[in-house]
N, C-alpha and C. Protein backbone atom coordinates (compact mmCIF):
# COMPACT_ATOMS: atom_id res chain seq x y z
N MET A 1 0.85 -1.17 0.00
CA MET A 1 0.00 0.00 0.00
C MET A 1 0.90 1.23 0.00
N SER A 2 0.65 2.15 -0.92
CA SER A 2 1.47 3.35 -0.98
C SER A 2 1.05 4.32 0.10
N GLU A 3 1.88 5.32 0.34
CA GLU A 3 1.58 6.33 1.36
C GLU A 3 0.28 7.05 1.04
N ASN A 4 0.06 7.36 -0.26
CA ASN A 4 -1.18 8.03 -0.66
C ASN A 4 -2.39 7.17 -0.38
N GLU A 5 -2.29 5.87 -0.66
CA GLU A 5 -3.42 4.97 -0.42
C GLU A 5 -3.75 4.90 1.07
N SER A 6 -2.72 4.86 1.92
CA SER A 6 -3.00 4.77 3.34
C SER A 6 -3.62 6.07 3.85
N LYS A 7 -3.23 7.22 3.29
CA LYS A 7 -3.85 8.49 3.69
C LYS A 7 -5.31 8.53 3.25
N GLN A 8 -5.60 8.02 2.05
CA GLN A 8 -6.96 8.03 1.54
C GLN A 8 -7.87 7.15 2.39
N GLN A 9 -7.35 6.05 2.91
CA GLN A 9 -8.15 5.14 3.72
C GLN A 9 -8.18 5.55 5.18
N GLY A 10 -7.46 6.59 5.56
CA GLY A 10 -7.45 7.05 6.93
C GLY A 10 -6.62 6.18 7.87
N LEU A 11 -5.71 5.39 7.33
CA LEU A 11 -4.86 4.54 8.16
C LEU A 11 -3.81 5.38 8.85
N GLN A 12 -3.70 5.22 10.15
CA GLN A 12 -2.67 5.92 10.89
C GLN A 12 -1.66 4.91 11.40
N LEU A 13 -0.40 5.23 11.22
CA LEU A 13 0.67 4.34 11.66
C LEU A 13 1.40 4.97 12.84
N GLU A 14 1.70 4.13 13.82
CA GLU A 14 2.52 4.57 14.94
C GLU A 14 3.92 4.05 14.72
N LEU A 15 4.91 4.90 14.85
CA LEU A 15 6.31 4.51 14.67
C LEU A 15 7.03 4.69 15.99
N PRO A 16 7.16 3.61 16.76
CA PRO A 16 7.85 3.71 18.05
C PRO A 16 9.30 4.17 17.86
N GLN A 17 9.81 4.87 18.85
CA GLN A 17 11.17 5.43 18.79
C GLN A 17 12.22 4.35 18.52
N ASP A 18 12.10 3.19 19.16
CA ASP A 18 13.12 2.15 18.99
C ASP A 18 13.09 1.53 17.59
N VAL A 19 11.98 1.65 16.89
CA VAL A 19 11.86 1.12 15.53
C VAL A 19 12.23 2.20 14.50
N ALA A 20 12.06 3.45 14.85
CA ALA A 20 12.28 4.57 13.93
C ALA A 20 13.71 4.63 13.39
N GLN A 21 14.67 4.17 14.16
CA GLN A 21 16.07 4.20 13.71
C GLN A 21 16.33 3.18 12.61
N GLY A 22 15.52 2.13 12.53
CA GLY A 22 15.68 1.12 11.51
C GLY A 22 16.86 0.20 11.78
N GLU A 23 17.02 -0.78 10.95
CA GLU A 23 18.13 -1.72 11.00
C GLU A 23 18.73 -1.80 9.60
N TYR A 24 20.05 -1.72 9.51
CA TYR A 24 20.71 -1.86 8.22
C TYR A 24 20.80 -3.34 7.88
N ALA A 25 20.40 -3.69 6.68
CA ALA A 25 20.51 -5.07 6.20
C ALA A 25 21.02 -5.03 4.76
N ASN A 26 21.95 -5.91 4.43
CA ASN A 26 22.44 -5.99 3.06
C ASN A 26 22.24 -7.38 2.47
N LEU A 27 21.36 -8.16 3.11
CA LEU A 27 21.03 -9.49 2.62
C LEU A 27 19.60 -9.81 3.06
N ALA A 28 18.81 -10.32 2.15
CA ALA A 28 17.47 -10.80 2.49
C ALA A 28 17.36 -12.25 2.01
N ILE A 29 16.89 -13.10 2.89
CA ILE A 29 16.68 -14.50 2.56
C ILE A 29 15.18 -14.75 2.63
N ILE A 30 14.62 -15.26 1.55
CA ILE A 30 13.18 -15.44 1.45
C ILE A 30 12.86 -16.92 1.35
N THR A 31 11.99 -17.38 2.23
CA THR A 31 11.50 -18.75 2.19
C THR A 31 9.97 -18.70 2.23
N HIS A 32 9.34 -19.81 1.85
CA HIS A 32 7.88 -19.80 1.86
C HIS A 32 7.32 -21.20 2.11
N ALA A 33 6.11 -21.22 2.58
CA ALA A 33 5.30 -22.42 2.72
C ALA A 33 3.99 -22.11 2.01
N SER A 34 3.03 -23.01 2.08
CA SER A 34 1.77 -22.76 1.38
C SER A 34 0.99 -21.58 1.96
N SER A 35 1.20 -21.28 3.23
CA SER A 35 0.39 -20.25 3.88
C SER A 35 1.09 -18.93 4.11
N ASP A 36 2.44 -18.88 4.01
CA ASP A 36 3.12 -17.62 4.28
C ASP A 36 4.52 -17.58 3.67
N PHE A 37 5.04 -16.37 3.62
CA PHE A 37 6.42 -16.10 3.21
C PHE A 37 7.16 -15.58 4.43
N VAL A 38 8.41 -15.97 4.55
CA VAL A 38 9.26 -15.47 5.63
C VAL A 38 10.43 -14.76 4.97
N ILE A 39 10.63 -13.51 5.37
CA ILE A 39 11.76 -12.74 4.85
C ILE A 39 12.66 -12.40 6.03
N ASP A 40 13.88 -12.93 6.00
CA ASP A 40 14.88 -12.62 7.01
C ASP A 40 15.82 -11.57 6.44
N PHE A 41 15.95 -10.46 7.15
CA PHE A 41 16.86 -9.40 6.75
C PHE A 41 18.10 -9.52 7.62
N ALA A 42 19.26 -9.64 6.97
CA ALA A 42 20.51 -9.88 7.68
C ALA A 42 21.57 -8.86 7.29
N ARG A 43 22.59 -8.82 8.12
CA ARG A 43 23.73 -7.94 7.87
C ARG A 43 24.97 -8.80 7.75
N VAL A 44 25.65 -8.68 6.61
CA VAL A 44 26.91 -9.40 6.37
C VAL A 44 28.03 -8.37 6.42
N LEU A 45 29.04 -8.65 7.23
CA LEU A 45 30.16 -7.73 7.37
C LEU A 45 31.45 -8.42 6.95
N PRO A 46 32.37 -7.69 6.32
CA PRO A 46 33.65 -8.27 5.92
C PRO A 46 34.39 -8.83 7.14
N GLY A 47 34.96 -10.00 6.96
CA GLY A 47 35.74 -10.61 8.03
C GLY A 47 34.92 -11.31 9.10
N VAL A 48 33.60 -11.24 8.99
CA VAL A 48 32.73 -11.91 9.96
C VAL A 48 32.11 -13.11 9.26
N PRO A 49 32.38 -14.33 9.74
CA PRO A 49 31.95 -15.52 9.01
C PRO A 49 30.44 -15.77 9.03
N LYS A 50 29.71 -15.19 9.98
CA LYS A 50 28.27 -15.41 10.07
C LYS A 50 27.52 -14.11 9.82
N ALA A 51 26.46 -14.24 9.02
CA ALA A 51 25.55 -13.10 8.84
C ALA A 51 24.57 -13.11 10.00
N GLN A 52 24.28 -11.93 10.54
CA GLN A 52 23.37 -11.85 11.67
C GLN A 52 22.00 -11.37 11.19
N VAL A 53 20.96 -12.17 11.47
CA VAL A 53 19.60 -11.77 11.11
C VAL A 53 19.20 -10.64 12.04
N LYS A 54 18.78 -9.52 11.46
CA LYS A 54 18.39 -8.35 12.22
C LYS A 54 16.88 -8.22 12.36
N SER A 55 16.15 -8.81 11.41
CA SER A 55 14.70 -8.70 11.44
C SER A 55 14.09 -9.82 10.63
N ARG A 56 12.95 -10.32 11.08
CA ARG A 56 12.20 -11.34 10.34
C ARG A 56 10.79 -10.81 10.15
N VAL A 57 10.32 -10.88 8.90
CA VAL A 57 8.96 -10.45 8.59
C VAL A 57 8.23 -11.64 7.98
N ILE A 58 7.05 -11.94 8.51
CA ILE A 58 6.25 -13.05 8.02
C ILE A 58 4.99 -12.46 7.39
N LEU A 59 4.74 -12.83 6.13
CA LEU A 59 3.63 -12.25 5.36
C LEU A 59 2.79 -13.33 4.70
N ALA A 60 1.50 -13.04 4.57
CA ALA A 60 0.61 -13.89 3.78
C ALA A 60 0.98 -13.72 2.31
N PRO A 61 0.76 -14.74 1.48
CA PRO A 61 1.11 -14.63 0.06
C PRO A 61 0.50 -13.40 -0.62
N GLU A 62 -0.73 -13.06 -0.28
CA GLU A 62 -1.37 -11.89 -0.89
C GLU A 62 -0.63 -10.61 -0.54
N HIS A 63 -0.13 -10.51 0.69
CA HIS A 63 0.59 -9.31 1.10
C HIS A 63 1.96 -9.23 0.42
N VAL A 64 2.58 -10.40 0.18
CA VAL A 64 3.86 -10.41 -0.53
C VAL A 64 3.66 -9.88 -1.95
N LYS A 65 2.57 -10.28 -2.58
CA LYS A 65 2.31 -9.81 -3.94
C LYS A 65 2.06 -8.30 -3.94
N ARG A 66 1.35 -7.80 -2.93
CA ARG A 66 1.14 -6.34 -2.81
C ARG A 66 2.47 -5.63 -2.55
N LEU A 67 3.31 -6.22 -1.72
CA LEU A 67 4.63 -5.64 -1.45
C LEU A 67 5.46 -5.58 -2.72
N LEU A 68 5.44 -6.65 -3.51
CA LEU A 68 6.17 -6.67 -4.77
C LEU A 68 5.71 -5.54 -5.68
N ALA A 69 4.40 -5.36 -5.81
CA ALA A 69 3.85 -4.29 -6.66
C ALA A 69 4.26 -2.92 -6.14
N ALA A 70 4.21 -2.73 -4.83
CA ALA A 70 4.59 -1.45 -4.24
C ALA A 70 6.08 -1.17 -4.44
N LEU A 71 6.91 -2.21 -4.31
CA LEU A 71 8.35 -2.04 -4.54
C LEU A 71 8.63 -1.69 -6.00
N GLN A 72 7.95 -2.38 -6.93
CA GLN A 72 8.15 -2.10 -8.35
C GLN A 72 7.76 -0.65 -8.67
N GLU A 73 6.63 -0.21 -8.13
CA GLU A 73 6.18 1.18 -8.36
C GLU A 73 7.19 2.18 -7.79
N ASN A 74 7.69 1.92 -6.60
CA ASN A 74 8.64 2.84 -5.98
C ASN A 74 9.99 2.82 -6.67
N ILE A 75 10.42 1.67 -7.17
CA ILE A 75 11.67 1.62 -7.93
C ILE A 75 11.54 2.43 -9.21
N MET A 76 10.39 2.32 -9.89
CA MET A 76 10.17 3.12 -11.11
C MET A 76 10.25 4.61 -10.78
N ARG A 77 9.63 5.03 -9.70
CA ARG A 77 9.68 6.45 -9.30
C ARG A 77 11.10 6.88 -8.98
N TYR A 78 11.81 6.05 -8.23
CA TYR A 78 13.19 6.35 -7.85
C TYR A 78 14.05 6.52 -9.10
N GLU A 79 13.95 5.57 -10.04
CA GLU A 79 14.78 5.62 -11.23
C GLU A 79 14.41 6.79 -12.13
N ARG A 80 13.16 7.18 -12.14
CA ARG A 80 12.78 8.39 -12.90
C ARG A 80 13.47 9.62 -12.32
N GLU A 81 13.58 9.67 -11.00
CA GLU A 81 14.16 10.84 -10.35
C GLU A 81 15.69 10.80 -10.31
N PHE A 82 16.27 9.62 -10.04
CA PHE A 82 17.71 9.53 -9.79
C PHE A 82 18.49 8.74 -10.83
N GLY A 83 17.81 8.11 -11.76
CA GLY A 83 18.49 7.30 -12.76
C GLY A 83 18.46 5.82 -12.41
N PRO A 84 18.88 4.98 -13.34
CA PRO A 84 18.80 3.53 -13.14
C PRO A 84 19.64 3.04 -11.96
N ILE A 85 19.12 2.06 -11.28
CA ILE A 85 19.86 1.37 -10.22
C ILE A 85 20.64 0.26 -10.90
N ARG A 86 21.94 0.29 -10.76
CA ARG A 86 22.80 -0.71 -11.40
C ARG A 86 23.12 -1.82 -10.41
N ILE A 87 23.03 -3.05 -10.87
CA ILE A 87 23.40 -4.22 -10.07
C ILE A 87 24.38 -5.04 -10.91
N PRO A 88 25.68 -4.76 -10.79
CA PRO A 88 26.68 -5.44 -11.61
C PRO A 88 26.66 -6.96 -11.46
N GLN A 89 26.38 -7.49 -10.27
CA GLN A 89 26.40 -8.93 -10.05
C GLN A 89 25.34 -9.64 -10.89
N GLN A 90 24.21 -9.01 -11.15
CA GLN A 90 23.18 -9.64 -11.97
C GLN A 90 23.67 -9.83 -13.39
N GLU A 91 24.48 -8.91 -13.87
CA GLU A 91 25.03 -9.03 -15.21
C GLU A 91 26.00 -10.20 -15.29
N GLN A 92 26.58 -10.58 -14.14
CA GLN A 92 27.52 -11.70 -14.10
C GLN A 92 26.83 -13.00 -13.68
N GLY A 93 25.52 -12.97 -13.46
CA GLY A 93 24.79 -14.19 -13.14
C GLY A 93 24.47 -14.40 -11.68
N GLY A 94 24.86 -13.51 -10.78
CA GLY A 94 24.56 -13.66 -9.35
C GLY A 94 23.62 -12.57 -8.87
N ILE A 95 23.09 -12.75 -7.66
CA ILE A 95 22.23 -11.71 -7.12
C ILE A 95 22.76 -11.13 -5.82
N ALA A 96 23.64 -11.84 -5.13
CA ALA A 96 24.19 -11.33 -3.88
C ALA A 96 25.25 -10.28 -4.19
N PRO A 97 25.33 -9.21 -3.38
CA PRO A 97 26.31 -8.16 -3.63
C PRO A 97 27.70 -8.50 -3.11
N PHE A 98 27.92 -9.76 -2.73
CA PHE A 98 29.19 -10.17 -2.17
C PHE A 98 29.30 -11.68 -2.32
N GLU A 99 30.48 -12.21 -2.10
CA GLU A 99 30.71 -13.64 -2.18
C GLU A 99 30.48 -14.25 -0.82
N LEU A 100 29.48 -15.11 -0.68
CA LEU A 100 29.12 -15.67 0.62
C LEU A 100 30.05 -16.77 1.09
N THR A 101 30.78 -17.38 0.19
CA THR A 101 31.63 -18.52 0.59
C THR A 101 33.00 -18.09 1.02
N LYS A 102 33.38 -16.87 0.81
CA LYS A 102 34.70 -16.40 1.19
C LYS A 102 34.64 -15.69 2.53
N GLY A 103 35.65 -15.87 3.33
CA GLY A 103 35.77 -15.12 4.57
C GLY A 103 37.09 -14.41 4.58
N GLU A 104 37.10 -13.23 5.16
CA GLU A 104 38.33 -12.47 5.26
C GLU A 104 38.60 -12.19 6.72
N ALA A 105 39.87 -12.16 7.07
CA ALA A 105 40.23 -11.85 8.47
C ALA A 105 40.75 -10.45 8.56
């Protein structure tokens, strides 16, 4: 749901102070079952062998599809304003922005 849609429907959101700062994540792992999708947002740091999950979001399939549409719409808006988002790894056949099997000390 876009910000405009939520305003039109009169939805009010509360943003607690501890959530307002957000969590940085540079990896998302998505799994699913017949009834829901689970998205784990993690942070991978150089020299650290384990990625730490910072947040887990569980969504119904219908909400995942709405999220996908909202993300696509917002990416189009972003790219219209700031230019294309480049993902060099996709051009090379991968989707992760780093090599998960290598560790550095």
